[in-house]
Amino acid sequence: MQAVILAGGKGTRLRPLTASLPKPLVPLGDVPIIEVVLRQLRHYGFREVIVSTGHLGELIEAYCGDGRRWGLKLRYVHEDKPLSTAGALKLVSGLDRQFLTINGDVLTTLDFRKLWDFHRESKATATLGVCERKTVVSFGVIGLDGSGKLQSYIEKPSYRYLVSMGINVFDRRALHFIKKNEFLGIPELVRRLRSAGEPVSGYKSNAEWLDIGRPEDYEIAQEIFASQRKRSRYLRG
């Protein structure tokens, strides 16, 4: 099985940490996030990984090398100009019929193999890994009608919704919807696929998931990795 780690972003939300480090090398305890991702991919049966780099990409290559120490075959593509998450896929040669993509700043307990198998069974062009998030509004939320009369008053309501985990499986035909050297994100690619009538699925999971690019999630991740017991859920293989 084959995976692409999308590691070309500048990590602006994590500055000043990312002023001298690419986001995938930001440490969780004593382990860079990209090493956690690589170990997880190996654990779930992936053998070839392509890393798409941009900002400070040479540091990622220097750290990860050929992947041999994790039992992986690593190769790299480099964005000379920012192409975003989907545009970068057009640079990759030799993609298999199905391949997994994962953002280089994701920390999760998702079983990548179950996502992969779900995609193959669904026969979709793209399958998005999704999980549930809850947001609590810290105010009393008011509903008014057109004349200003009170219709509802809910104190500190909470809302649940599904979010993209930044982990997807694509069929190679999705690449036909990306132009060469086009700046295109995966959300825009998914909308193109749906507009063209291509089947797109979502794999819902109860896995833990953090977006390390968000400072608040990064703080939580650091707390997890300060505990050997908790971090063992993520460090596999």
Protein backbone atom coordinates (compact mmCIF):
# COMPACT_ATOMS: atom_id res chain seq x y z
CA MET A 1 0.00 0.00 0.00
CA GLN A 2 1.12 3.51 -0.80
CA ALA A 3 0.71 6.81 1.05
CA VAL A 4 1.48 10.47 0.41
CA ILE A 5 2.35 12.76 3.32
CA LEU A 6 1.44 16.35 2.47
CA ALA A 7 4.15 18.37 4.20
CA GLY A 8 4.52 21.51 2.11
CA GLY A 9 2.79 24.07 4.33
CA LYS A 10 4.52 26.90 6.18
CA GLY A 11 2.84 26.29 9.54
CA THR A 12 2.11 29.96 10.12
CA ARG A 13 -0.21 29.24 13.07
CA LEU A 14 2.66 27.67 14.99
CA ARG A 15 5.14 30.51 14.66
CA PRO A 16 7.73 31.10 16.07
CA LEU A 17 8.25 27.30 16.25
CA THR A 18 8.00 27.00 12.46
CA ALA A 19 10.32 29.90 11.70
CA SER A 20 13.26 27.48 11.69
CA LEU A 21 11.46 24.11 11.47
CA PRO A 22 8.95 22.77 8.93
CA LYS A 23 5.71 21.89 10.68
CA PRO A 24 6.15 18.08 10.35
CA LEU A 25 9.39 18.32 12.37
CA VAL A 26 7.78 20.17 15.27
CA PRO A 27 8.42 17.89 18.26
CA LEU A 28 5.92 16.02 20.40
CA GLY A 29 8.05 15.37 23.44
CA ASP A 30 11.21 13.99 21.83
CA VAL A 31 9.57 12.75 18.61
CA PRO A 32 8.78 14.85 15.50
CA ILE A 33 5.18 14.53 14.35
CA ILE A 34 6.25 13.12 10.97
CA GLU A 35 7.99 10.21 12.69
CA VAL A 36 4.75 9.37 14.50
CA VAL A 37 2.92 9.37 11.15
CA LEU A 38 5.57 7.20 9.48
CA ARG A 39 5.53 4.65 12.29
CA GLN A 40 1.75 4.46 12.12
CA LEU A 41 1.77 3.96 8.35
CA ARG A 42 4.28 1.13 8.71
CA HIS A 43 2.19 -0.44 11.47
CA TYR A 44 -0.91 -0.53 9.25
CA GLY A 45 0.84 -2.15 6.32
CA PHE A 46 2.04 0.73 4.14
CA ARG A 47 5.45 0.18 2.58
CA GLU A 48 6.00 3.09 0.19
CA VAL A 49 5.56 6.70 1.30
CA ILE A 50 5.98 9.81 -0.82
CA VAL A 51 6.56 13.04 1.10
CA SER A 52 5.50 16.25 -0.63
CA THR A 53 7.65 19.07 0.73
CA GLY A 54 7.83 22.82 0.38
CA HIS A 55 8.86 25.16 3.19
CA LEU A 56 12.21 23.96 4.63
CA GLY A 57 11.70 20.63 2.89
CA GLU A 58 15.42 19.85 2.92
CA LEU A 59 15.24 19.49 6.71
CA ILE A 60 12.49 16.86 6.37
CA GLU A 61 14.60 14.92 3.86
CA ALA A 62 17.65 15.15 6.10
CA TYR A 63 15.73 13.77 9.09
CA CYS A 64 13.70 11.05 7.36
CA GLY A 65 16.23 9.91 4.77
CA ASP A 66 15.19 6.88 2.74
CA GLY A 67 12.85 5.59 5.46
CA ARG A 68 14.82 2.41 6.01
CA ARG A 69 14.92 2.78 9.81
CA TRP A 70 11.12 2.50 9.87
CA GLY A 71 10.97 -0.32 7.34
CA LEU A 72 9.65 2.03 4.66
CA LYS A 73 10.67 3.15 1.20
CA LEU A 74 10.58 6.95 1.17
CA ARG A 75 10.81 9.29 -1.78
CA TYR A 76 10.16 13.00 -2.11
CA VAL A 77 8.62 15.58 -4.38
CA HIS A 78 9.22 19.28 -3.81
CA GLU A 79 6.88 22.17 -4.55
CA ASP A 80 8.92 24.98 -6.13
CA LYS A 81 5.85 27.14 -5.59
CA PRO A 82 2.93 26.45 -3.22
CA LEU A 83 0.39 24.11 -4.82
CA SER A 84 -1.73 23.26 -1.74
CA THR A 85 -2.77 19.76 -0.75
CA ALA A 86 -4.33 18.52 -3.99
CA GLY A 87 -2.12 20.43 -6.43
CA ALA A 88 0.94 18.74 -4.95
CA LEU A 89 -0.42 15.31 -5.91
CA LYS A 90 0.06 16.16 -9.59
CA LEU A 91 3.82 16.24 -8.99
CA VAL A 92 3.93 12.62 -7.82
CA SER A 93 4.84 10.02 -10.42
CA GLY A 94 4.04 6.33 -10.10
CA LEU A 95 0.98 6.57 -7.90
CA ASP A 96 -0.86 3.28 -7.41
CA ARG A 97 -4.48 2.76 -8.36
CA GLN A 98 -5.39 3.65 -4.78
CA PHE A 99 -3.31 5.75 -2.44
CA LEU A 100 -3.75 7.34 0.97
CA THR A 101 -3.04 11.01 1.67
CA ILE A 102 -2.39 12.44 5.12
CA ASN A 103 -1.53 15.94 6.24
CA GLY A 104 1.88 16.11 7.85
CA ASP A 105 0.52 17.69 11.03
CA VAL A 106 -2.12 15.14 12.06
CA LEU A 107 -2.02 13.18 15.30
CA THR A 108 -4.62 10.42 15.46
CA THR A 109 -5.41 6.92 16.62
CA LEU A 110 -7.31 6.20 13.38
CA ASP A 111 -6.83 2.70 11.99
CA PHE A 112 -5.55 3.56 8.50
CA ARG A 113 -6.14 0.01 7.28
CA LYS A 114 -9.85 0.16 8.12
CA LEU A 115 -10.14 3.43 6.20
CA TRP A 116 -8.32 1.84 3.27
CA ASP A 117 -10.56 -1.24 3.26
CA PHE A 118 -13.71 0.88 3.52
CA HIS A 119 -12.62 2.87 0.47
CA ARG A 120 -12.00 -0.22 -1.61
CA GLU A 121 -15.37 -1.72 -0.65
CA SER A 122 -17.22 1.53 -1.40
CA LYS A 123 -15.68 1.76 -4.91
CA ALA A 124 -15.55 5.54 -4.44
CA THR A 125 -13.17 7.89 -6.22
CA ALA A 126 -12.38 9.49 -2.87
CA THR A 127 -13.01 8.56 0.74
CA LEU A 128 -12.56 11.13 3.48
CA GLY A 129 -11.69 10.21 7.03
CA VAL A 130 -14.12 12.10 9.29
CA CYS A 131 -14.71 12.38 13.01
CA GLU A 132 -17.14 14.18 15.26
CA ARG A 133 -16.31 17.43 17.02
CA LYS A 134 -18.30 19.44 19.57
CA THR A 135 -18.33 23.20 19.96
CA VAL A 136 -19.82 24.92 23.01
CA VAL A 137 -20.98 28.50 22.48
CA SER A 138 -20.00 30.54 25.53
CA PHE A 139 -23.02 32.85 25.28
CA GLY A 140 -26.78 32.76 25.41
CA VAL A 141 -27.91 32.28 21.80
CA ILE A 142 -30.98 34.26 20.81
CA GLY A 143 -33.46 33.58 18.02
CA LEU A 144 -35.70 36.42 16.79
CA ASP A 145 -38.45 36.53 14.20
CA GLY A 146 -38.75 39.19 11.50
CA SER A 147 -40.48 41.65 13.84
CA GLY A 148 -37.92 41.28 16.60
CA LYS A 149 -39.99 39.03 18.87
CA LEU A 150 -38.06 36.45 20.87
CA GLN A 151 -38.37 32.94 19.44
CA SER A 152 -35.71 31.10 21.43
CA TYR A 153 -33.11 31.65 24.12
CA ILE A 154 -30.58 28.85 24.57
CA GLU A 155 -27.89 29.32 27.18
CA LYS A 156 -24.44 28.07 26.09
CA PRO A 157 -25.65 25.51 23.53
CA SER A 158 -23.35 22.82 22.16
CA TYR A 159 -23.24 21.69 18.55
CA ARG A 160 -21.90 18.42 17.14
CA TYR A 161 -20.69 18.11 13.58
CA LEU A 162 -18.44 16.00 11.37
CA VAL A 163 -15.05 17.33 10.32
CA SER A 164 -12.41 16.21 7.84
CA MET A 165 -9.42 14.59 9.54
CA GLY A 166 -7.00 15.42 6.72
CA ILE A 167 -6.65 11.69 5.97
CA ASN A 168 -8.12 10.40 2.71
CA VAL A 169 -7.92 7.59 0.20
CA PHE A 170 -8.12 8.43 -3.49
CA ASP A 171 -8.49 6.47 -6.67
CA ARG A 172 -5.87 7.52 -9.22
CA ARG A 173 -8.57 8.82 -11.58
CA ALA A 174 -9.03 11.76 -9.19
CA LEU A 175 -5.79 13.15 -10.62
CA HIS A 176 -7.59 13.89 -13.91
CA PHE A 177 -9.41 16.68 -12.09
CA ILE A 178 -6.18 18.49 -11.15
CA LYS A 179 -4.34 20.68 -13.64
CA LYS A 180 -0.55 20.71 -13.78
CA ASN A 181 0.99 23.37 -11.51
CA GLU A 182 -2.46 24.31 -10.23
CA PHE A 183 -2.90 25.65 -6.70
CA LEU A 184 -5.72 23.43 -5.45
CA GLY A 185 -6.75 22.18 -2.04
CA ILE A 186 -8.32 18.82 -1.33
CA PRO A 187 -11.68 20.44 -0.38
CA GLU A 188 -11.83 22.03 -3.85
CA LEU A 189 -10.84 18.74 -5.48
CA VAL A 190 -13.62 16.93 -3.63
CA ARG A 191 -16.15 19.50 -4.81
CA ARG A 192 -14.94 19.00 -8.40
CA LEU A 193 -15.34 15.26 -8.06
CA ARG A 194 -18.89 15.59 -6.76
CA SER A 195 -19.82 18.09 -9.49
CA ALA A 196 -18.58 15.60 -12.08
CA GLY A 197 -20.71 12.84 -10.58
CA GLU A 198 -17.78 10.91 -9.13
CA PRO A 199 -18.65 8.94 -5.97
CA VAL A 200 -17.19 10.38 -2.76
CA SER A 201 -17.54 8.62 0.60
CA GLY A 202 -16.84 9.45 4.22
CA TYR A 203 -15.44 7.02 6.77
CA LYS A 204 -16.66 7.99 10.24
CA SER A 205 -14.46 7.02 13.14
CA ASN A 206 -14.40 7.48 16.90
CA ALA A 207 -10.62 7.78 16.79
CA GLU A 208 -8.82 10.51 18.67
CA TRP A 209 -7.68 13.28 16.35
CA LEU A 210 -5.68 16.47 16.74
CA ASP A 211 -4.63 19.07 14.17
CA ILE A 212 -1.13 19.95 15.36
CA GLY A 213 -1.20 23.09 13.22
CA ARG A 214 -3.65 24.58 15.76
CA PRO A 215 -1.80 25.90 18.84
CA GLU A 216 -4.53 24.61 21.17
CA ASP A 217 -4.32 21.09 19.71
CA TYR A 218 -0.53 21.21 19.83
CA GLU A 219 -0.67 21.95 23.57
CA ILE A 220 -2.96 18.94 24.10
CA ALA A 221 -0.61 16.76 22.05
CA GLN A 222 2.33 17.82 24.21
CA GLU A 223 0.39 16.79 27.31
CA ILE A 224 -0.34 13.40 25.72
CA PHE A 225 3.31 12.82 24.87
CA ALA A 226 4.40 13.78 28.38
CA SER A 227 2.68 10.57 29.51
CA GLN A 228 4.32 7.33 28.34
CA ARG A 229 1.02 5.48 28.79
CA LYS A 230 -0.97 7.90 26.62
CA ARG A 231 1.64 8.32 23.92
CA SER A 232 1.83 4.56 23.39
CA ARG A 233 -1.58 4.78 21.65
CA TYR A 234 0.09 6.79 18.89
CA LEU A 235 3.64 5.36 18.68
CA ARG A 236 3.09 2.10 16.88
CA GLY A 237 5.41 -0.35 15.21
